[in-house]
PDB file of N, CA and C in Angstrom:
ATOM      1  N   MET A   1     -39.288  -7.804  16.494  1.00  0.00           N
ATOM      2  CA  MET A   1     -38.400  -8.922  16.242  1.00  0.00           C
ATOM      3  C   MET A   1     -38.263  -9.195  14.744  1.00  0.00           C
ATOM      4  N   LYS A   2     -39.350  -9.018  14.003  1.00  0.00           N
ATOM      5  CA  LYS A   2     -39.295  -9.237  12.557  1.00  0.00           C
ATOM      6  C   LYS A   2     -38.346  -8.246  11.893  1.00  0.00           C
ATOM      7  N   ARG A   3     -38.315  -7.050  12.460  1.00  0.00           N
ATOM      8  CA  ARG A   3     -37.430  -6.024  11.907  1.00  0.00           C
ATOM      9  C   ARG A   3     -35.971  -6.432  12.045  1.00  0.00           C
ATOM     10  N   TYR A   4     -35.592  -7.006  13.198  1.00  0.00           N
ATOM     11  CA  TYR A   4     -34.217  -7.460  13.410  1.00  0.00           C
ATOM     12  C   TYR A   4     -33.871  -8.619  12.480  1.00  0.00           C
ATOM     13  N   ALA A   5     -34.832  -9.492  12.258  1.00  0.00           N
ATOM     14  CA  ALA A   5     -34.605 -10.623  11.347  1.00  0.00           C
ATOM     15  C   ALA A   5     -34.395 -10.107   9.922  1.00  0.00           C
ATOM     16  N   GLY A   6     -35.148  -9.096   9.545  1.00  0.00           N
ATOM     17  CA  GLY A   6     -34.992  -8.513   8.211  1.00  0.00           C
ATOM     18  C   GLY A   6     -33.643  -7.840   8.048  1.00  0.00           C
ATOM     19  N   VAL A   7     -33.215  -7.116   9.076  1.00  0.00           N
ATOM     20  CA  VAL A   7     -31.911  -6.454   9.038  1.00  0.00           C
ATOM     21  C   VAL A   7     -30.799  -7.505   8.984  1.00  0.00           C
ATOM     22  N   ALA A   8     -30.932  -8.558   9.787  1.00  0.00           N
ATOM     23  CA  ALA A   8     -29.927  -9.624   9.781  1.00  0.00           C
ATOM     24  C   ALA A   8     -29.850 -10.296   8.419  1.00  0.00           C
ATOM     25  N   ALA A   9     -30.980 -10.531   7.792  1.00  0.00           N
ATOM     26  CA  ALA A   9     -30.993 -11.144   6.459  1.00  0.00           C
ATOM     27  C   ALA A   9     -30.331 -10.216   5.442  1.00  0.00           C
ATOM     28  N   LEU A  10     -30.579  -8.934   5.548  1.00  0.00           N
ATOM     29  CA  LEU A  10     -29.972  -7.965   4.636  1.00  0.00           C
ATOM     30  C   LEU A  10     -28.454  -7.925   4.813  1.00  0.00           C
ATOM     31  N   VAL A  11     -28.001  -7.945   6.060  1.00  0.00           N
ATOM     32  CA  VAL A  11     -26.561  -7.924   6.334  1.00  0.00           C
ATOM     33  C   VAL A  11     -25.905  -9.194   5.799  1.00  0.00           C
ATOM     34  N   MET A  12     -26.520 -10.343   6.038  1.00  0.00           N
ATOM     35  CA  MET A  12     -25.956 -11.611   5.550  1.00  0.00           C
ATOM     36  C   MET A  12     -25.906 -11.637   4.023  1.00  0.00           C
ATOM     37  N   THR A  13     -26.916 -11.095   3.379  1.00  0.00           N
ATOM     38  CA  THR A  13     -26.913 -11.025   1.915  1.00  0.00           C
ATOM     39  C   THR A  13     -25.778 -10.139   1.427  1.00  0.00           C
ATOM     40  N   ALA A  14     -25.567  -9.023   2.099  1.00  0.00           N
ATOM     41  CA  ALA A  14     -24.475  -8.120   1.708  1.00  0.00           C
ATOM     42  C   ALA A  14     -23.129  -8.816   1.853  1.00  0.00           C
ATOM     43  N   PHE A  15     -22.931  -9.580   2.934  1.00  0.00           N
ATOM     44  CA  PHE A  15     -21.682 -10.315   3.110  1.00  0.00           C
ATOM     45  C   PHE A  15     -21.507 -11.371   2.030  1.00  0.00           C
ATOM     46  N   ALA A  16     -22.569 -12.084   1.715  1.00  0.00           N
ATOM     47  CA  ALA A  16     -22.489 -13.142   0.701  1.00  0.00           C
ATOM     48  C   ALA A  16     -22.150 -12.555  -0.672  1.00  0.00           C
ATOM     49  N   VAL A  17     -22.768 -11.437  -1.004  1.00  0.00           N
ATOM     50  CA  VAL A  17     -22.497 -10.805  -2.305  1.00  0.00           C
ATOM     51  C   VAL A  17     -21.069 -10.277  -2.354  1.00  0.00           C
ATOM     52  N   SER A  18     -20.580  -9.693  -1.257  1.00  0.00           N
ATOM     53  CA  SER A  18     -19.222  -9.150  -1.262  1.00  0.00           C
ATOM     54  C   SER A  18     -18.171 -10.255  -1.286  1.00  0.00           C
ATOM     55  N   ALA A  19     -18.503 -11.462  -0.841  1.00  0.00           N
ATOM     56  CA  ALA A  19     -17.551 -12.569  -0.839  1.00  0.00           C
ATOM     57  C   ALA A  19     -17.541 -13.326  -2.166  1.00  0.00           C
ATOM     58  N   ALA A  20     -18.486 -13.071  -3.029  1.00  0.00           N
ATOM     59  CA  ALA A  20     -18.583 -13.806  -4.297  1.00  0.00           C
ATOM     60  C   ALA A  20     -17.308 -13.738  -5.137  1.00  0.00           C
ATOM     61  N   PRO A  21     -16.635 -12.601  -5.273  1.00  0.00           N
ATOM     62  CA  PRO A  21     -15.403 -12.595  -6.078  1.00  0.00           C
ATOM     63  C   PRO A  21     -14.311 -13.501  -5.515  1.00  0.00           C
ATOM     64  N   ALA A  22     -14.301 -13.727  -4.222  1.00  0.00           N
ATOM     65  CA  ALA A  22     -13.280 -14.579  -3.621  1.00  0.00           C
ATOM     66  C   ALA A  22     -13.460 -16.042  -4.017  1.00  0.00           C
ATOM     67  N   ILE A  23     -14.654 -16.412  -4.416  1.00  0.00           N
ATOM     68  CA  ILE A  23     -14.933 -17.788  -4.807  1.00  0.00           C
ATOM     69  C   ILE A  23     -14.480 -18.045  -6.246  1.00  0.00           C
ATOM     70  N   ALA A  24     -14.362 -17.004  -7.037  1.00  0.00           N
ATOM     71  CA  ALA A  24     -14.003 -17.141  -8.452  1.00  0.00           C
ATOM     72  C   ALA A  24     -12.588 -17.691  -8.608  1.00  0.00           C
ATOM     73  N   ALA A  25     -12.303 -18.233  -9.764  1.00  0.00           N
ATOM     74  CA  ALA A  25     -10.972 -18.765 -10.052  1.00  0.00           C
ATOM     75  C   ALA A  25      -9.956 -17.631 -10.046  1.00  0.00           C
ATOM     76  N   PRO A  26      -8.712 -17.925  -9.668  1.00  0.00           N
ATOM     77  CA  PRO A  26      -7.693 -16.870  -9.662  1.00  0.00           C
ATOM     78  C   PRO A  26      -7.457 -16.319 -11.067  1.00  0.00           C
ATOM     79  N   ASN A  27      -7.195 -15.057 -11.123  1.00  0.00           N
ATOM     80  CA  ASN A  27      -6.956 -14.388 -12.399  1.00  0.00           C
ATOM     81  C   ASN A  27      -5.640 -13.629 -12.287  1.00  0.00           C
ATOM     82  N   PRO A  28      -4.512 -14.280 -12.629  1.00  0.00           N
ATOM     83  CA  PRO A  28      -3.224 -13.609 -12.470  1.00  0.00           C
ATOM     84  C   PRO A  28      -3.107 -12.370 -13.356  1.00  0.00           C
ATOM     85  N   ASN A  29      -2.370 -11.424 -12.861  1.00  0.00           N
ATOM     86  CA  ASN A  29      -2.153 -10.183 -13.590  1.00  0.00           C
ATOM     87  C   ASN A  29      -1.173 -10.438 -14.735  1.00  0.00           C
ATOM     88  N   PRO A  30      -1.570 -10.198 -15.980  1.00  0.00           N
ATOM     89  CA  PRO A  30      -0.653 -10.426 -17.095  1.00  0.00           C
ATOM     90  C   PRO A  30       0.538  -9.473 -17.100  1.00  0.00           C
ATOM     91  N   ALA A  31       0.439  -8.378 -16.362  1.00  0.00           N
ATOM     92  CA  ALA A  31       1.534  -7.412 -16.306  1.00  0.00           C
ATOM     93  C   ALA A  31       2.507  -7.711 -15.165  1.00  0.00           C
ATOM     94  N   ALA A  32       2.315  -8.841 -14.463  1.00  0.00           N
ATOM     95  CA  ALA A  32       3.206  -9.184 -13.349  1.00  0.00           C
ATOM     96  C   ALA A  32       4.611  -9.446 -13.872  1.00  0.00           C
ATOM     97  N   PRO A  33       5.619  -9.161 -13.050  1.00  0.00           N
ATOM     98  CA  PRO A  33       6.987  -9.426 -13.492  1.00  0.00           C
ATOM     99  C   PRO A  33       7.212 -10.915 -13.738  1.00  0.00           C
ATOM    100  N   GLU A  34       8.145 -11.235 -14.614  1.00  0.00           N
ATOM    101  CA  GLU A  34       8.383 -12.620 -14.988  1.00  0.00           C
ATOM    102  C   GLU A  34       8.886 -13.465 -13.825  1.00  0.00           C
ATOM    103  N   HIS A  35       9.530 -12.859 -12.846  1.00  0.00           N
ATOM    104  CA  HIS A  35      10.072 -13.624 -11.729  1.00  0.00           C
ATOM    105  C   HIS A  35       9.019 -13.985 -10.689  1.00  0.00           C
ATOM    106  N   ALA A  36       7.775 -13.554 -10.885  1.00  0.00           N
ATOM    107  CA  ALA A  36       6.735 -13.826  -9.893  1.00  0.00           C
ATOM    108  C   ALA A  36       6.531 -15.324  -9.692  1.00  0.00           C
ATOM    109  N   GLY A  37       6.737 -16.128 -10.707  1.00  0.00           N
ATOM    110  CA  GLY A  37       6.558 -17.564 -10.586  1.00  0.00           C
ATOM    111  C   GLY A  37       7.627 -18.232  -9.751  1.00  0.00           C
ATOM    112  N   THR A  38       8.736 -17.577  -9.525  1.00  0.00           N
ATOM    113  CA  THR A  38       9.831 -18.164  -8.748  1.00  0.00           C
ATOM    114  C   THR A  38       9.865 -17.636  -7.317  1.00  0.00           C
ATOM    115  N   ALA A  39       8.847 -16.921  -6.912  1.00  0.00           N
ATOM    116  CA  ALA A  39       8.842 -16.311  -5.576  1.00  0.00           C
ATOM    117  C   ALA A  39       8.976 -17.355  -4.483  1.00  0.00           C
ATOM    118  N   CYS A  40       8.243 -18.458  -4.592  1.00  0.00           N
ATOM    119  CA  CYS A  40       8.323 -19.506  -3.564  1.00  0.00           C
ATOM    120  C   CYS A  40       9.744 -20.049  -3.472  1.00  0.00           C
ATOM    121  N   THR A  41      10.339 -20.332  -4.604  1.00  0.00           N
ATOM    122  CA  THR A  41      11.697 -20.868  -4.616  1.00  0.00           C
ATOM    123  C   THR A  41      12.666 -19.877  -3.992  1.00  0.00           C
ATOM    124  N   ASN A  42      12.530 -18.616  -4.318  1.00  0.00           N
ATOM    125  CA  ASN A  42      13.419 -17.593  -3.766  1.00  0.00           C
ATOM    126  C   ASN A  42      13.268 -17.473  -2.262  1.00  0.00           C
ATOM    127  N   VAL A  43      12.047 -17.509  -1.777  1.00  0.00           N
ATOM    128  CA  VAL A  43      11.830 -17.382  -0.336  1.00  0.00           C
ATOM    129  C   VAL A  43      12.434 -18.576   0.387  1.00  0.00           C
ATOM    130  N   LEU A  44      12.195 -19.779  -0.118  1.00  0.00           N
ATOM    131  CA  LEU A  44      12.725 -20.964   0.562  1.00  0.00           C
ATOM    132  C   LEU A  44      14.247 -21.033   0.479  1.00  0.00           C
ATOM    133  N   SER A  45      14.823 -20.639  -0.644  1.00  0.00           N
ATOM    134  CA  SER A  45      16.271 -20.750  -0.781  1.00  0.00           C
ATOM    135  C   SER A  45      17.010 -19.672   0.016  1.00  0.00           C
ATOM    136  N   ARG A  46      16.359 -18.556   0.297  1.00  0.00           N
ATOM    137  CA  ARG A  46      17.024 -17.464   1.019  1.00  0.00           C
ATOM    138  C   ARG A  46      16.667 -17.401   2.491  1.00  0.00           C
ATOM    139  N   ASN A  47      15.812 -18.293   2.951  1.00  0.00           N
ATOM    140  CA  ASN A  47      15.416 -18.281   4.358  1.00  0.00           C
ATOM    141  C   ASN A  47      16.497 -18.968   5.177  1.00  0.00           C
ATOM    142  N   PRO A  48      17.051 -18.297   6.177  1.00  0.00           N
ATOM    143  CA  PRO A  48      18.137 -18.905   6.957  1.00  0.00           C
ATOM    144  C   PRO A  48      17.703 -20.148   7.730  1.00  0.00           C
ATOM    145  N   ASN A  49      16.421 -20.318   7.938  1.00  0.00           N
ATOM    146  CA  ASN A  49      15.950 -21.479   8.689  1.00  0.00           C
ATOM    147  C   ASN A  49      15.874 -22.745   7.853  1.00  0.00           C
ATOM    148  N   THR A  50      16.128 -22.678   6.557  1.00  0.00           N
ATOM    149  CA  THR A  50      16.067 -23.871   5.717  1.00  0.00           C
ATOM    150  C   THR A  50      17.433 -24.538   5.564  1.00  0.00           C
ATOM    151  N   GLY A  51      18.440 -23.991   6.166  1.00  0.00           N
ATOM    152  CA  GLY A  51      19.781 -24.571   6.071  1.00  0.00           C
ATOM    153  C   GLY A  51      20.452 -24.597   7.428  1.00  0.00           C
ATOM    154  N   PRO A  52      21.679 -25.066   7.472  1.00  0.00           N
ATOM    155  CA  PRO A  52      22.388 -25.111   8.747  1.00  0.00           C
ATOM    156  C   PRO A  52      22.671 -23.707   9.278  1.00  0.00           C
ATOM    157  N   GLY A  53      22.669 -23.575  10.590  1.00  0.00           N
ATOM    158  CA  GLY A  53      22.968 -22.278  11.200  1.00  0.00           C
ATOM    159  C   GLY A  53      21.772 -21.357  11.309  1.00  0.00           C
ATOM    160  N   GLY A  54      20.570 -21.875  11.087  1.00  0.00           N
ATOM    161  CA  GLY A  54      19.371 -21.046  11.208  1.00  0.00           C
ATOM    162  C   GLY A  54      19.012 -20.811  12.660  1.00  0.00           C
ATOM    163  N   HIS A  55      17.903 -20.173  12.873  1.00  0.00           N
ATOM    164  CA  HIS A  55      17.455 -19.858  14.224  1.00  0.00           C
ATOM    165  C   HIS A  55      16.694 -21.010  14.854  1.00  0.00           C
ATOM    166  N   ILE A  56      16.470 -22.067  14.088  1.00  0.00           N
ATOM    167  CA  ILE A  56      15.775 -23.237  14.613  1.00  0.00           C
ATOM    168  C   ILE A  56      16.684 -24.445  14.443  1.00  0.00           C
ATOM    169  N   SER A  57      16.312 -25.565  15.032  1.00  0.00           N
ATOM    170  CA  SER A  57      17.151 -26.761  14.955  1.00  0.00           C
ATOM    171  C   SER A  57      17.279 -27.246  13.510  1.00  0.00           C
ATOM    172  N   ASP A  58      18.295 -28.073  13.275  1.00  0.00           N
ATOM    173  CA  ASP A  58      18.481 -28.624  11.924  1.00  0.00           C
ATOM    174  C   ASP A  58      17.268 -29.435  11.493  1.00  0.00           C
ATOM    175  N   GLN A  59      16.708 -30.217  12.411  1.00  0.00           N
ATOM    176  CA  GLN A  59      15.523 -31.000  12.084  1.00  0.00           C
ATOM    177  C   GLN A  59      14.343 -30.064  11.788  1.00  0.00           C
ATOM    178  N   GLY A  60      14.217 -28.999  12.561  1.00  0.00           N
ATOM    179  CA  GLY A  60      13.158 -28.018  12.313  1.00  0.00           C
ATOM    180  C   GLY A  60      13.326 -27.345  10.963  1.00  0.00           C
ATOM    181  N   GLY A  61      14.573 -27.032  10.597  1.00  0.00           N
ATOM    182  CA  GLY A  61      14.828 -26.429   9.292  1.00  0.00           C
ATOM    183  C   GLY A  61      14.464 -27.360   8.160  1.00  0.00           C
ATOM    184  N   THR A  62      14.790 -28.640   8.323  1.00  0.00           N
ATOM    185  CA  THR A  62      14.440 -29.625   7.300  1.00  0.00           C
ATOM    186  C   THR A  62      12.928 -29.724   7.148  1.00  0.00           C
ATOM    187  N   GLN A  63      12.231 -29.756   8.278  1.00  0.00           N
ATOM    188  CA  GLN A  63      10.766 -29.836   8.229  1.00  0.00           C
ATOM    189  C   GLN A  63      10.157 -28.560   7.661  1.00  0.00           C
ATOM    190  N   PHE A  64      10.723 -27.418   8.015  1.00  0.00           N
ATOM    191  CA  PHE A  64      10.251 -26.138   7.481  1.00  0.00           C
ATOM    192  C   PHE A  64      10.370 -26.127   5.957  1.00  0.00           C
ATOM    193  N   PHE A  65      11.521 -26.601   5.464  1.00  0.00           N
ATOM    194  CA  PHE A  65      11.748 -26.633   4.023  1.00  0.00           C
ATOM    195  C   PHE A  65      10.784 -27.605   3.350  1.00  0.00           C
ATOM    196  N   ALA A  66      10.543 -28.763   3.963  1.00  0.00           N
ATOM    197  CA  ALA A  66       9.643 -29.758   3.388  1.00  0.00           C
ATOM    198  C   ALA A  66       8.209 -29.226   3.307  1.00  0.00           C
ATOM    199  N   VAL A  67       7.781 -28.532   4.352  1.00  0.00           N
ATOM    200  CA  VAL A  67       6.432 -27.948   4.331  1.00  0.00           C
ATOM    201  C   VAL A  67       6.368 -26.848   3.266  1.00  0.00           C
ATOM    202  N   GLY A  68       7.401 -26.031   3.168  1.00  0.00           N
ATOM    203  CA  GLY A  68       7.430 -24.983   2.135  1.00  0.00           C
ATOM    204  C   GLY A  68       7.366 -25.580   0.736  1.00  0.00           C
ATOM    205  N   GLN A  69       8.087 -26.680   0.498  1.00  0.00           N
ATOM    206  CA  GLN A  69       8.018 -27.328  -0.805  1.00  0.00           C
ATOM    207  C   GLN A  69       6.617 -27.838  -1.087  1.00  0.00           C
ATOM    208  N   ALA A  70       5.969 -28.428  -0.087  1.00  0.00           N
ATOM    209  CA  ALA A  70       4.621 -28.952  -0.293  1.00  0.00           C
ATOM    210  C   ALA A  70       3.638 -27.816  -0.568  1.00  0.00           C
ATOM    211  N   LEU A  71       3.738 -26.725   0.186  1.00  0.00           N
ATOM    212  CA  LEU A  71       2.816 -25.606  -0.022  1.00  0.00           C
ATOM    213  C   LEU A  71       3.034 -24.911  -1.356  1.00  0.00           C
ATOM    214  N   CYS A  72       4.295 -24.863  -1.794  1.00  0.00           N
ATOM    215  CA  CYS A  72       4.596 -24.205  -3.068  1.00  0.00           C
ATOM    216  C   CYS A  72       4.508 -25.166  -4.239  1.00  0.00           C
ATOM    217  N   ASP A  73       4.219 -26.432  -3.968  1.00  0.00           N
ATOM    218  CA  ASP A  73       4.094 -27.451  -5.007  1.00  0.00           C
ATOM    219  C   ASP A  73       5.391 -27.577  -5.815  1.00  0.00           C
ATOM    220  N   LEU A  74       6.512 -27.614  -5.079  1.00  0.00           N
ATOM    221  CA  LEU A  74       7.814 -27.743  -5.719  1.00  0.00           C
ATOM    222  C   LEU A  74       8.239 -29.211  -5.719  1.00  0.00           C
ATOM    223  N   PRO A  75       9.107 -29.612  -6.653  1.00  0.00           N
ATOM    224  CA  PRO A  75       9.556 -31.013  -6.676  1.00  0.00           C
ATOM    225  C   PRO A  75      10.455 -31.361  -5.506  1.00  0.00           C
TER     226      PRO A  75
END
């Protein structure tokens, strides 16, 4: 039983160490294209569900757009 506990501890340590970079602050790529900052705006403005005639109701489209603005931190 001690052997299984040791193996489990080793596996958990390996998972914790491999997850450490995910905890770090984001580090954007300086070589990214200049339009990368407008990706959220482009997706919301080109999505057919954010305007009339989409695949969802008008109220659903309005709510979809509002949630997209909140997630993208848009005004």
